[in-house]
mmCIF file of all heavy atoms, coordinates in Angstrom:
data_MODEL
# 
_entry.id   MODEL 
# 
loop_
_atom_site.group_PDB 
_atom_site.id 
_atom_site.type_symbol 
_atom_site.label_atom_id 
_atom_site.label_alt_id 
_atom_site.label_comp_id 
_atom_site.label_asym_id 
_atom_site.label_entity_id 
_atom_site.label_seq_id 
_atom_site.pdbx_PDB_ins_code 
_atom_site.Cartn_x 
_atom_site.Cartn_y 
_atom_site.Cartn_z 
_atom_site.occupancy 
_atom_site.B_iso_or_equiv 
_atom_site.pdbx_formal_charge 
_atom_site.auth_seq_id 
_atom_site.auth_comp_id 
_atom_site.auth_asym_id 
_atom_site.auth_atom_id 
_atom_site.pdbx_PDB_model_num 
ATOM 1   N N   . PRO A 1 1  ? -32.128 38.857 60.548 1.00 0.00 ? 1  PRO A N   1 
ATOM 2   C CA  . PRO A 1 1  ? -32.937 37.907 61.336 1.00 0.00 ? 1  PRO A CA  1 
ATOM 3   C C   . PRO A 1 1  ? -33.429 36.726 60.506 1.00 0.00 ? 1  PRO A C   1 
ATOM 4   O O   . PRO A 1 1  ? -33.430 35.583 60.977 1.00 0.00 ? 1  PRO A O   1 
ATOM 5   C CB  . PRO A 1 1  ? -34.098 38.775 61.834 1.00 0.00 ? 1  PRO A CB  1 
ATOM 6   C CG  . PRO A 1 1  ? -33.537 40.150 61.891 1.00 0.00 ? 1  PRO A CG  1 
ATOM 7   C CD  . PRO A 1 1  ? -32.619 40.249 60.714 1.00 0.00 ? 1  PRO A CD  1 
ATOM 8   N N   . ARG A 1 2  ? -33.850 36.995 59.282 1.00 0.00 ? 2  ARG A N   1 
ATOM 9   C CA  . ARG A 1 2  ? -34.331 35.912 58.417 1.00 0.00 ? 2  ARG A CA  1 
ATOM 10  C C   . ARG A 1 2  ? -33.202 34.936 58.076 1.00 0.00 ? 2  ARG A C   1 
ATOM 11  O O   . ARG A 1 2  ? -33.386 33.713 58.112 1.00 0.00 ? 2  ARG A O   1 
ATOM 12  C CB  . ARG A 1 2  ? -34.927 36.496 57.140 1.00 0.00 ? 2  ARG A CB  1 
ATOM 13  C CG  . ARG A 1 2  ? -35.548 35.441 56.220 1.00 0.00 ? 2  ARG A CG  1 
ATOM 14  C CD  . ARG A 1 2  ? -36.184 36.075 54.991 1.00 0.00 ? 2  ARG A CD  1 
ATOM 15  N NE  . ARG A 1 2  ? -36.906 35.075 54.222 1.00 0.00 ? 2  ARG A NE  1 
ATOM 16  C CZ  . ARG A 1 2  ? -38.157 34.715 54.462 1.00 0.00 ? 2  ARG A CZ  1 
ATOM 17  N NH1 . ARG A 1 2  ? -38.823 35.297 55.455 1.00 0.00 ? 2  ARG A NH1 1 
ATOM 18  N NH2 . ARG A 1 2  ? -38.755 33.797 53.721 1.00 0.00 ? 2  ARG A NH2 1 
ATOM 19  N N   . LEU A 1 3  ? -32.041 35.473 57.751 1.00 0.00 ? 3  LEU A N   1 
ATOM 20  C CA  . LEU A 1 3  ? -30.904 34.624 57.421 1.00 0.00 ? 3  LEU A CA  1 
ATOM 21  C C   . LEU A 1 3  ? -30.508 33.752 58.609 1.00 0.00 ? 3  LEU A C   1 
ATOM 22  O O   . LEU A 1 3  ? -30.183 32.565 58.436 1.00 0.00 ? 3  LEU A O   1 
ATOM 23  C CB  . LEU A 1 3  ? -29.713 35.487 56.988 1.00 0.00 ? 3  LEU A CB  1 
ATOM 24  C CG  . LEU A 1 3  ? -29.872 36.261 55.674 1.00 0.00 ? 3  LEU A CG  1 
ATOM 25  C CD1 . LEU A 1 3  ? -28.661 37.149 55.428 1.00 0.00 ? 3  LEU A CD1 1 
ATOM 26  C CD2 . LEU A 1 3  ? -30.079 35.305 54.497 1.00 0.00 ? 3  LEU A CD2 1 
ATOM 27  N N   . GLN A 1 4  ? -30.541 34.314 59.802 1.00 0.00 ? 4  GLN A N   1 
ATOM 28  C CA  . GLN A 1 4  ? -30.189 33.547 60.993 1.00 0.00 ? 4  GLN A CA  1 
ATOM 29  C C   . GLN A 1 4  ? -31.180 32.418 61.236 1.00 0.00 ? 4  GLN A C   1 
ATOM 30  O O   . GLN A 1 4  ? -30.794 31.286 61.562 1.00 0.00 ? 4  GLN A O   1 
ATOM 31  C CB  . GLN A 1 4  ? -30.123 34.466 62.217 1.00 0.00 ? 4  GLN A CB  1 
ATOM 32  C CG  . GLN A 1 4  ? -28.928 35.396 62.236 1.00 0.00 ? 4  GLN A CG  1 
ATOM 33  C CD  . GLN A 1 4  ? -27.610 34.659 62.232 1.00 0.00 ? 4  GLN A CD  1 
ATOM 34  O OE1 . GLN A 1 4  ? -27.484 33.584 62.813 1.00 0.00 ? 4  GLN A OE1 1 
ATOM 35  N NE2 . GLN A 1 4  ? -26.623 35.219 61.550 1.00 0.00 ? 4  GLN A NE2 1 
ATOM 36  N N   . ILE A 1 5  ? -32.452 32.705 61.093 1.00 0.00 ? 5  ILE A N   1 
ATOM 37  C CA  . ILE A 1 5  ? -33.479 31.680 61.317 1.00 0.00 ? 5  ILE A CA  1 
ATOM 38  C C   . ILE A 1 5  ? -33.312 30.528 60.340 1.00 0.00 ? 5  ILE A C   1 
ATOM 39  O O   . ILE A 1 5  ? -33.325 29.354 60.728 1.00 0.00 ? 5  ILE A O   1 
ATOM 40  C CB  . ILE A 1 5  ? -34.891 32.301 61.197 1.00 0.00 ? 5  ILE A CB  1 
ATOM 41  C CG1 . ILE A 1 5  ? -35.174 33.188 62.415 1.00 0.00 ? 5  ILE A CG1 1 
ATOM 42  C CG2 . ILE A 1 5  ? -35.948 31.201 61.085 1.00 0.00 ? 5  ILE A CG2 1 
ATOM 43  C CD1 . ILE A 1 5  ? -36.468 33.954 62.318 1.00 0.00 ? 5  ILE A CD1 1 
ATOM 44  N N   . TYR A 1 6  ? -33.124 30.851 59.074 1.00 0.00 ? 6  TYR A N   1 
ATOM 45  C CA  . TYR A 1 6  ? -33.036 29.807 58.058 1.00 0.00 ? 6  TYR A CA  1 
ATOM 46  C C   . TYR A 1 6  ? -31.717 29.041 58.117 1.00 0.00 ? 6  TYR A C   1 
ATOM 47  O O   . TYR A 1 6  ? -31.583 28.000 57.470 1.00 0.00 ? 6  TYR A O   1 
ATOM 48  C CB  . TYR A 1 6  ? -33.245 30.406 56.666 1.00 0.00 ? 6  TYR A CB  1 
ATOM 49  C CG  . TYR A 1 6  ? -34.707 30.468 56.295 1.00 0.00 ? 6  TYR A CG  1 
ATOM 50  C CD1 . TYR A 1 6  ? -35.514 31.514 56.724 1.00 0.00 ? 6  TYR A CD1 1 
ATOM 51  C CD2 . TYR A 1 6  ? -35.296 29.453 55.545 1.00 0.00 ? 6  TYR A CD2 1 
ATOM 52  C CE1 . TYR A 1 6  ? -36.860 31.569 56.414 1.00 0.00 ? 6  TYR A CE1 1 
ATOM 53  C CE2 . TYR A 1 6  ? -36.642 29.491 55.231 1.00 0.00 ? 6  TYR A CE2 1 
ATOM 54  C CZ  . TYR A 1 6  ? -37.412 30.546 55.669 1.00 0.00 ? 6  TYR A CZ  1 
ATOM 55  O OH  . TYR A 1 6  ? -38.750 30.579 55.361 1.00 0.00 ? 6  TYR A OH  1 
ATOM 56  N N   . SER A 1 7  ? -30.773 29.521 58.890 1.00 0.00 ? 7  SER A N   1 
ATOM 57  C CA  . SER A 1 7  ? -29.504 28.809 58.999 1.00 0.00 ? 7  SER A CA  1 
ATOM 58  C C   . SER A 1 7  ? -29.580 27.612 59.938 1.00 0.00 ? 7  SER A C   1 
ATOM 59  O O   . SER A 1 7  ? -28.698 26.749 59.912 1.00 0.00 ? 7  SER A O   1 
ATOM 60  C CB  . SER A 1 7  ? -28.410 29.772 59.483 1.00 0.00 ? 7  SER A CB  1 
ATOM 61  O OG  . SER A 1 7  ? -28.614 30.143 60.840 1.00 0.00 ? 7  SER A OG  1 
ATOM 62  N N   . PHE A 1 8  ? -30.649 27.541 60.761 1.00 0.00 ? 8  PHE A N   1 
ATOM 63  C CA  . PHE A 1 8  ? -30.666 26.433 61.728 1.00 0.00 ? 8  PHE A CA  1 
ATOM 64  C C   . PHE A 1 8  ? -32.048 25.968 62.162 1.00 0.00 ? 8  PHE A C   1 
ATOM 65  O O   . PHE A 1 8  ? -32.144 24.961 62.885 1.00 0.00 ? 8  PHE A O   1 
ATOM 66  C CB  . PHE A 1 8  ? -29.878 26.827 62.984 1.00 0.00 ? 8  PHE A CB  1 
ATOM 67  C CG  . PHE A 1 8  ? -30.602 27.772 63.913 1.00 0.00 ? 8  PHE A CG  1 
ATOM 68  C CD1 . PHE A 1 8  ? -31.375 27.283 64.953 1.00 0.00 ? 8  PHE A CD1 1 
ATOM 69  C CD2 . PHE A 1 8  ? -30.518 29.143 63.745 1.00 0.00 ? 8  PHE A CD2 1 
ATOM 70  C CE1 . PHE A 1 8  ? -32.046 28.137 65.815 1.00 0.00 ? 8  PHE A CE1 1 
ATOM 71  C CE2 . PHE A 1 8  ? -31.183 30.003 64.596 1.00 0.00 ? 8  PHE A CE2 1 
ATOM 72  C CZ  . PHE A 1 8  ? -31.947 29.500 65.639 1.00 0.00 ? 8  PHE A CZ  1 
ATOM 73  N N   . HIS A 1 9  ? -33.142 26.614 61.763 1.00 0.00 ? 9  HIS A N   1 
ATOM 74  C CA  . HIS A 1 9  ? -34.425 26.218 62.355 1.00 0.00 ? 9  HIS A CA  1 
ATOM 75  C C   . HIS A 1 9  ? -34.846 24.803 61.952 1.00 0.00 ? 9  HIS A C   1 
ATOM 76  O O   . HIS A 1 9  ? -35.371 24.054 62.779 1.00 0.00 ? 9  HIS A O   1 
ATOM 77  C CB  . HIS A 1 9  ? -35.518 27.246 62.053 1.00 0.00 ? 9  HIS A CB  1 
ATOM 78  C CG  . HIS A 1 9  ? -35.982 27.302 60.639 1.00 0.00 ? 9  HIS A CG  1 
ATOM 79  N ND1 . HIS A 1 9  ? -35.127 27.205 59.569 1.00 0.00 ? 9  HIS A ND1 1 
ATOM 80  C CD2 . HIS A 1 9  ? -37.221 27.463 60.110 1.00 0.00 ? 9  HIS A CD2 1 
ATOM 81  C CE1 . HIS A 1 9  ? -35.828 27.303 58.450 1.00 0.00 ? 9  HIS A CE1 1 
ATOM 82  N NE2 . HIS A 1 9  ? -37.092 27.444 58.749 1.00 0.00 ? 9  HIS A NE2 1 
ATOM 83  N N   . MET A 1 10 ? -34.593 24.371 60.719 1.00 0.00 ? 10 MET A N   1 
ATOM 84  C CA  . MET A 1 10 ? -34.917 22.997 60.343 1.00 0.00 ? 10 MET A CA  1 
ATOM 85  C C   . MET A 1 10 ? -33.895 22.002 60.901 1.00 0.00 ? 10 MET A C   1 
ATOM 86  O O   . MET A 1 10 ? -34.291 20.927 61.381 1.00 0.00 ? 10 MET A O   1 
ATOM 87  C CB  . MET A 1 10 ? -35.032 22.866 58.824 1.00 0.00 ? 10 MET A CB  1 
ATOM 88  C CG  . MET A 1 10 ? -36.183 23.672 58.222 1.00 0.00 ? 10 MET A CG  1 
ATOM 89  S SD  . MET A 1 10 ? -37.746 23.519 59.145 1.00 0.00 ? 10 MET A SD  1 
ATOM 90  C CE  . MET A 1 10 ? -38.061 21.764 59.050 1.00 0.00 ? 10 MET A CE  1 
ATOM 91  N N   . PRO A 1 11 ? -32.584 22.308 60.850 1.00 0.00 ? 11 PRO A N   1 
ATOM 92  C CA  . PRO A 1 11 ? -31.638 21.411 61.530 1.00 0.00 ? 11 PRO A CA  1 
ATOM 93  C C   . PRO A 1 11 ? -31.996 21.162 62.993 1.00 0.00 ? 11 PRO A C   1 
ATOM 94  O O   . PRO A 1 11 ? -31.789 20.060 63.505 1.00 0.00 ? 11 PRO A O   1 
ATOM 95  C CB  . PRO A 1 11 ? -30.305 22.163 61.399 1.00 0.00 ? 11 PRO A CB  1 
ATOM 96  C CG  . PRO A 1 11 ? -30.428 22.890 60.098 1.00 0.00 ? 11 PRO A CG  1 
ATOM 97  C CD  . PRO A 1 11 ? -31.874 23.335 60.062 1.00 0.00 ? 11 PRO A CD  1 
ATOM 98  N N   . LEU A 1 12 ? -32.546 22.171 63.673 1.00 0.00 ? 12 LEU A N   1 
ATOM 99  C CA  . LEU A 1 12 ? -32.945 22.004 65.068 1.00 0.00 ? 12 LEU A CA  1 
ATOM 100 C C   . LEU A 1 12 ? -33.972 20.888 65.213 1.00 0.00 ? 12 LEU A C   1 
ATOM 101 O O   . LEU A 1 12 ? -33.843 20.007 66.079 1.00 0.00 ? 12 LEU A O   1 
ATOM 102 C CB  . LEU A 1 12 ? -33.518 23.316 65.609 1.00 0.00 ? 12 LEU A CB  1 
ATOM 103 C CG  . LEU A 1 12 ? -34.183 23.252 66.989 1.00 0.00 ? 12 LEU A CG  1 
ATOM 104 C CD1 . LEU A 1 12 ? -33.169 22.890 68.063 1.00 0.00 ? 12 LEU A CD1 1 
ATOM 105 C CD2 . LEU A 1 12 ? -34.865 24.585 67.318 1.00 0.00 ? 12 LEU A CD2 1 
ATOM 106 N N   . PHE A 1 13 ? -34.995 20.890 64.369 1.00 0.00 ? 13 PHE A N   1 
ATOM 107 C CA  . PHE A 1 13 ? -36.044 19.872 64.476 1.00 0.00 ? 13 PHE A CA  1 
ATOM 108 C C   . PHE A 1 13 ? -35.520 18.486 64.131 1.00 0.00 ? 13 PHE A C   1 
ATOM 109 O O   . PHE A 1 13 ? -35.895 17.493 64.763 1.00 0.00 ? 13 PHE A O   1 
ATOM 110 C CB  . PHE A 1 13 ? -37.231 20.238 63.582 1.00 0.00 ? 13 PHE A CB  1 
ATOM 111 C CG  . PHE A 1 13 ? -38.138 21.256 64.195 1.00 0.00 ? 13 PHE A CG  1 
ATOM 112 C CD1 . PHE A 1 13 ? -38.052 22.590 63.831 1.00 0.00 ? 13 PHE A CD1 1 
ATOM 113 C CD2 . PHE A 1 13 ? -39.065 20.891 65.152 1.00 0.00 ? 13 PHE A CD2 1 
ATOM 114 C CE1 . PHE A 1 13 ? -38.885 23.534 64.406 1.00 0.00 ? 13 PHE A CE1 1 
ATOM 115 C CE2 . PHE A 1 13 ? -39.902 21.832 65.745 1.00 0.00 ? 13 PHE A CE2 1 
ATOM 116 C CZ  . PHE A 1 13 ? -39.803 23.153 65.366 1.00 0.00 ? 13 PHE A CZ  1 
ATOM 117 N N   . PHE A 1 14 ? -34.653 18.394 63.135 1.00 0.00 ? 14 PHE A N   1 
ATOM 118 C CA  . PHE A 1 14 ? -34.112 17.084 62.783 1.00 0.00 ? 14 PHE A CA  1 
ATOM 119 C C   . PHE A 1 14 ? -33.134 16.587 63.849 1.00 0.00 ? 14 PHE A C   1 
ATOM 120 O O   . PHE A 1 14 ? -33.056 15.388 64.111 1.00 0.00 ? 14 PHE A O   1 
ATOM 121 C CB  . PHE A 1 14 ? -33.451 17.140 61.405 1.00 0.00 ? 14 PHE A CB  1 
ATOM 122 C CG  . PHE A 1 14 ? -34.455 17.272 60.288 1.00 0.00 ? 14 PHE A CG  1 
ATOM 123 C CD1 . PHE A 1 14 ? -34.485 18.394 59.479 1.00 0.00 ? 14 PHE A CD1 1 
ATOM 124 C CD2 . PHE A 1 14 ? -35.383 16.270 60.053 1.00 0.00 ? 14 PHE A CD2 1 
ATOM 125 C CE1 . PHE A 1 14 ? -35.412 18.514 58.456 1.00 0.00 ? 14 PHE A CE1 1 
ATOM 126 C CE2 . PHE A 1 14 ? -36.322 16.369 59.037 1.00 0.00 ? 14 PHE A CE2 1 
ATOM 127 C CZ  . PHE A 1 14 ? -36.334 17.499 58.233 1.00 0.00 ? 14 PHE A CZ  1 
ATOM 128 N N   . PHE A 1 15 ? -32.398 17.488 64.466 1.00 0.00 ? 15 PHE A N   1 
ATOM 129 C CA  . PHE A 1 15 ? -31.532 17.110 65.585 1.00 0.00 ? 15 PHE A CA  1 
ATOM 130 C C   . PHE A 1 15 ? -32.374 16.535 66.723 1.00 0.00 ? 15 PHE A C   1 
ATOM 131 O O   . PHE A 1 15 ? -32.044 15.482 67.279 1.00 0.00 ? 15 PHE A O   1 
ATOM 132 C CB  . PHE A 1 15 ? -30.756 18.339 66.080 1.00 0.00 ? 15 PHE A CB  1 
ATOM 133 C CG  . PHE A 1 15 ? -29.995 18.104 67.363 1.00 0.00 ? 15 PHE A CG  1 
ATOM 134 C CD1 . PHE A 1 15 ? -28.682 17.669 67.331 1.00 0.00 ? 15 PHE A CD1 1 
ATOM 135 C CD2 . PHE A 1 15 ? -30.597 18.324 68.590 1.00 0.00 ? 15 PHE A CD2 1 
ATOM 136 C CE1 . PHE A 1 15 ? -27.975 17.437 68.517 1.00 0.00 ? 15 PHE A CE1 1 
ATOM 137 C CE2 . PHE A 1 15 ? -29.903 18.103 69.777 1.00 0.00 ? 15 PHE A CE2 1 
ATOM 138 C CZ  . PHE A 1 15 ? -28.593 17.652 69.736 1.00 0.00 ? 15 PHE A CZ  1 
ATOM 139 N N   . LEU A 1 16 ? -33.466 17.214 67.075 1.00 0.00 ? 16 LEU A N   1 
ATOM 140 C CA  . LEU A 1 16 ? -34.322 16.740 68.163 1.00 0.00 ? 16 LEU A CA  1 
ATOM 141 C C   . LEU A 1 16 ? -34.962 15.401 67.818 1.00 0.00 ? 16 LEU A C   1 
ATOM 142 O O   . LEU A 1 16 ? -35.112 14.530 68.680 1.00 0.00 ? 16 LEU A O   1 
ATOM 143 C CB  . LEU A 1 16 ? -35.397 17.784 68.469 1.00 0.00 ? 16 LEU A CB  1 
ATOM 144 C CG  . LEU A 1 16 ? -34.889 19.129 69.005 1.00 0.00 ? 16 LEU A CG  1 
ATOM 145 C CD1 . LEU A 1 16 ? -36.038 20.122 69.127 1.00 0.00 ? 16 LEU A CD1 1 
ATOM 146 C CD2 . LEU A 1 16 ? -34.185 18.961 70.347 1.00 0.00 ? 16 LEU A CD2 1 
ATOM 147 N N   . SER A 1 17 ? -35.335 15.221 66.550 1.00 0.00 ? 17 SER A N   1 
ATOM 148 C CA  . SER A 1 17 ? -35.911 13.939 66.121 1.00 0.00 ? 17 SER A CA  1 
ATOM 149 C C   . SER A 1 17 ? -34.887 12.823 66.254 1.00 0.00 ? 17 SER A C   1 
ATOM 150 O O   . SER A 1 17 ? -35.215 11.717 66.694 1.00 0.00 ? 17 SER A O   1 
ATOM 151 C CB  . SER A 1 17 ? -36.400 14.042 64.670 1.00 0.00 ? 17 SER A CB  1 
ATOM 152 O OG  . SER A 1 17 ? -37.426 15.005 64.545 1.00 0.00 ? 17 SER A OG  1 
ATOM 153 N N   . GLY A 1 18 ? -33.644 13.101 65.874 1.00 0.00 ? 18 GLY A N   1 
ATOM 154 C CA  . GLY A 1 18 ? -32.598 12.106 66.032 1.00 0.00 ? 18 GLY A CA  1 
ATOM 155 C C   . GLY A 1 18 ? -32.296 11.816 67.489 1.00 0.00 ? 18 GLY A C   1 
ATOM 156 O O   . GLY A 1 18 ? -32.038 10.672 67.875 1.00 0.00 ? 18 GLY A O   1 
ATOM 157 N N   . PHE A 1 19 ? -32.360 12.834 68.307 1.00 0.00 ? 19 PHE A N   1 
ATOM 158 C CA  . PHE A 1 19 ? -32.126 12.676 69.747 1.00 0.00 ? 19 PHE A CA  1 
ATOM 159 C C   . PHE A 1 19 ? -33.159 11.729 70.356 1.00 0.00 ? 19 PHE A C   1 
ATOM 160 O O   . PHE A 1 19 ? -32.848 10.957 71.268 1.00 0.00 ? 19 PHE A O   1 
ATOM 161 C CB  . PHE A 1 19 ? -32.187 14.040 70.422 1.00 0.00 ? 19 PHE A CB  1 
ATOM 162 C CG  . PHE A 1 19 ? -31.773 14.042 71.862 1.00 0.00 ? 19 PHE A CG  1 
ATOM 163 C CD1 . PHE A 1 19 ? -30.437 14.195 72.214 1.00 0.00 ? 19 PHE A CD1 1 
ATOM 164 C CD2 . PHE A 1 19 ? -32.703 13.898 72.879 1.00 0.00 ? 19 PHE A CD2 1 
ATOM 165 C CE1 . PHE A 1 19 ? -30.039 14.188 73.550 1.00 0.00 ? 19 PHE A CE1 1 
ATOM 166 C CE2 . PHE A 1 19 ? -32.325 13.893 74.208 1.00 0.00 ? 19 PHE A CE2 1 
ATOM 167 C CZ  . PHE A 1 19 ? -30.981 14.043 74.555 1.00 0.00 ? 19 PHE A CZ  1 
ATOM 168 N N   . LEU A 1 20 ? -34.379 11.780 69.863 1.00 0.00 ? 20 LEU A N   1 
ATOM 169 C CA  . LEU A 1 20 ? -35.467 10.955 70.410 1.00 0.00 ? 20 LEU A CA  1 
ATOM 170 C C   . LEU A 1 20 ? -35.623 9.624  69.684 1.00 0.00 ? 20 LEU A C   1 
ATOM 171 O O   . LEU A 1 20 ? -36.468 8.810  70.064 1.00 0.00 ? 20 LEU A O   1 
ATOM 172 C CB  . LEU A 1 20 ? -36.789 11.728 70.319 1.00 0.00 ? 20 LEU A CB  1 
ATOM 173 C CG  . LEU A 1 20 ? -36.885 13.003 71.161 1.00 0.00 ? 20 LEU A CG  1 
ATOM 174 C CD1 . LEU A 1 20 ? -38.183 13.741 70.853 1.00 0.00 ? 20 LEU A CD1 1 
ATOM 175 C CD2 . LEU A 1 20 ? -36.792 12.687 72.645 1.00 0.00 ? 20 LEU A CD2 1 
ATOM 176 N N   . PHE A 1 21 ? -34.824 9.391  68.650 1.00 0.00 ? 21 PHE A N   1 
ATOM 177 C CA  . PHE A 1 21 ? -34.994 8.202  67.819 1.00 0.00 ? 21 PHE A CA  1 
ATOM 178 C C   . PHE A 1 21 ? -34.775 6.918  68.609 1.00 0.00 ? 21 PHE A C   1 
ATOM 179 O O   . PHE A 1 21 ? -33.867 6.823  69.436 1.00 0.00 ? 21 PHE A O   1 
ATOM 180 C CB  . PHE A 1 21 ? -34.012 8.242  66.645 1.00 0.00 ? 21 PHE A CB  1 
ATOM 181 C CG  . PHE A 1 21 ? -34.099 7.037  65.748 1.00 0.00 ? 21 PHE A CG  1 
ATOM 182 C CD1 . PHE A 1 21 ? -35.059 6.969  64.748 1.00 0.00 ? 21 PHE A CD1 1 
ATOM 183 C CD2 . PHE A 1 21 ? -33.223 5.972  65.913 1.00 0.00 ? 21 PHE A CD2 1 
ATOM 184 C CE1 . PHE A 1 21 ? -35.146 5.849  63.924 1.00 0.00 ? 21 PHE A CE1 1 
ATOM 185 C CE2 . PHE A 1 21 ? -33.293 4.860  65.097 1.00 0.00 ? 21 PHE A CE2 1 
ATOM 186 C CZ  . PHE A 1 21 ? -34.260 4.793  64.094 1.00 0.00 ? 21 PHE A CZ  1 
ATOM 187 N N   . SER A 1 22 ? -35.632 5.933  68.317 1.00 0.00 ? 22 SER A N   1 
ATOM 188 C CA  . SER A 1 22 ? -35.494 4.614  68.918 1.00 0.00 ? 22 SER A CA  1 
ATOM 189 C C   . SER A 1 22 ? -35.784 3.558  67.858 1.00 0.00 ? 22 SER A C   1 
ATOM 190 O O   . SER A 1 22 ? -36.752 3.667  67.111 1.00 0.00 ? 22 SER A O   1 
ATOM 191 C CB  . SER A 1 22 ? -36.452 4.440  70.101 1.00 0.00 ? 22 SER A CB  1 
ATOM 192 O OG  . SER A 1 22 ? -36.414 3.111  70.579 1.00 0.00 ? 22 SER A OG  1 
ATOM 193 N N   . SER A 1 23 ? -34.931 2.533  67.801 1.00 0.00 ? 23 SER A N   1 
ATOM 194 C CA  . SER A 1 23 ? -35.113 1.461  66.819 1.00 0.00 ? 23 SER A CA  1 
ATOM 195 C C   . SER A 1 23 ? -35.581 0.172  67.481 1.00 0.00 ? 23 SER A C   1 
ATOM 196 O O   . SER A 1 23 ? -35.427 -0.914 66.910 1.00 0.00 ? 23 SER A O   1 
ATOM 197 C CB  . SER A 1 23 ? -33.802 1.222  66.069 1.00 0.00 ? 23 SER A CB  1 
ATOM 198 O OG  . SER A 1 23 ? -32.761 0.860  66.968 1.00 0.00 ? 23 SER A OG  1 
ATOM 199 N N   . LYS A 1 24 ? -36.137 0.288  68.672 1.00 0.00 ? 24 LYS A N   1 
ATOM 200 C CA  . LYS A 1 24 ? -36.590 -0.901 69.384 1.00 0.00 ? 24 LYS A CA  1 
ATOM 201 C C   . LYS A 1 24 ? -37.736 -1.578 68.632 1.00 0.00 ? 24 LYS A C   1 
ATOM 202 O O   . LYS A 1 24 ? -38.560 -0.922 68.008 1.00 0.00 ? 24 LYS A O   1 
ATOM 203 C CB  . LYS A 1 24 ? -37.043 -0.524 70.793 1.00 0.00 ? 24 LYS A CB  1 
ATOM 204 C CG  . LYS A 1 24 ? -35.909 -0.075 71.710 1.00 0.00 ? 24 LYS A CG  1 
ATOM 205 C CD  . LYS A 1 24 ? -36.433 0.259  73.100 1.00 0.00 ? 24 LYS A CD  1 
ATOM 206 C CE  . LYS A 1 24 ? -35.298 0.712  74.021 1.00 0.00 ? 24 LYS A CE  1 
ATOM 207 N NZ  . LYS A 1 24 ? -35.798 1.051  75.381 1.00 0.00 ? 24 LYS A NZ  1 
ATOM 208 N N   . GLY A 1 25 ? -37.780 -2.893 68.733 1.00 0.00 ? 25 GLY A N   1 
ATOM 209 C CA  . GLY A 1 25 ? -38.858 -3.634 68.095 1.00 0.00 ? 25 GLY A CA  1 
ATOM 210 C C   . GLY A 1 25 ? -38.531 -4.011 66.661 1.00 0.00 ? 25 GLY A C   1 
ATOM 211 O O   . GLY A 1 25 ? -37.494 -3.635 66.102 1.00 0.00 ? 25 GLY A O   1 
ATOM 212 N N   . SER A 1 26 ? -39.444 -4.740 66.052 1.00 0.00 ? 26 SER A N   1 
ATOM 213 C CA  . SER A 1 26 ? -39.273 -5.156 64.658 1.00 0.00 ? 26 SER A CA  1 
ATOM 214 C C   . SER A 1 26 ? -39.508 -3.994 63.721 1.00 0.00 ? 26 SER A C   1 
ATOM 215 O O   . SER A 1 26 ? -40.064 -2.963 64.113 1.00 0.00 ? 26 SER A O   1 
ATOM 216 C CB  . SER A 1 26 ? -40.258 -6.282 64.334 1.00 0.00 ? 26 SER A CB  1 
ATOM 217 O OG  . SER A 1 26 ? -41.589 -5.788 64.368 1.00 0.00 ? 26 SER A OG  1 
ATOM 218 N N   . PHE A 1 27 ? -39.095 -4.175 62.471 1.00 0.00 ? 27 PHE A N   1 
ATOM 219 C CA  . PHE A 1 27 ? -39.315 -3.112 61.496 1.00 0.00 ? 27 PHE A CA  1 
ATOM 220 C C   . PHE A 1 27 ? -40.805 -2.881 61.282 1.00 0.00 ? 27 PHE A C   1 
ATOM 221 O O   . PHE A 1 27 ? -41.241 -1.735 61.092 1.00 0.00 ? 27 PHE A O   1 
ATOM 222 C CB  . PHE A 1 27 ? -38.654 -3.458 60.162 1.00 0.00 ? 27 PHE A CB  1 
ATOM 223 C CG  . PHE A 1 27 ? -38.907 -2.429 59.097 1.00 0.00 ? 27 PHE A CG  1 
ATOM 224 C CD1 . PHE A 1 27 ? -38.385 -1.146 59.201 1.00 0.00 ? 27 PHE A CD1 1 
ATOM 225 C CD2 . PHE A 1 27 ? -39.712 -2.730 57.994 1.00 0.00 ? 27 PHE A CD2 1 
ATOM 226 C CE1 . PHE A 1 27 ? -38.631 -0.186 58.231 1.00 0.00 ? 27 PHE A CE1 1 
ATOM 227 C CE2 . PHE A 1 27 ? -39.963 -1.781 57.025 1.00 0.00 ? 27 PHE A CE2 1 
ATOM 228 C CZ  . PHE A 1 27 ? -39.414 -0.504 57.142 1.00 0.00 ? 27 PHE A CZ  1 
ATOM 229 N N   . LYS A 1 28 ? -41.607 -3.937 61.333 1.00 0.00 ? 28 LYS A N   1 
ATOM 230 C CA  . LYS A 1 28 ? -43.053 -3.794 61.160 1.00 0.00 ? 28 LYS A CA  1 
ATOM 231 C C   . LYS A 1 28 ? -43.639 -2.908 62.256 1.00 0.00 ? 28 LYS A C   1 
ATOM 232 O O   . LYS A 1 28 ? -44.443 -2.006 61.976 1.00 0.00 ? 28 LYS A O   1 
ATOM 233 C CB  . LYS A 1 28 ? -43.727 -5.166 61.174 1.00 0.00 ? 28 LYS A CB  1 
ATOM 234 C CG  . LYS A 1 28 ? -45.239 -5.100 61.002 1.00 0.00 ? 28 LYS A CG  1 
ATOM 235 C CD  . LYS A 1 28 ? -45.862 -6.492 61.031 1.00 0.00 ? 28 LYS A CD  1 
ATOM 236 C CE  . LYS A 1 28 ? -47.373 -6.404 60.895 1.00 0.00 ? 28 LYS A CE  1 
ATOM 237 N NZ  . LYS A 1 28 ? -48.012 -7.758 60.932 1.00 0.00 ? 28 LYS A NZ  1 
# 
């Protein structure tokens, strides 16, 4: 169970962050 969790739990959060990413507006 531990090995399975560590194989994807952080990739899941970064995937969701990328899914919601928006570059609208200026860099500031």
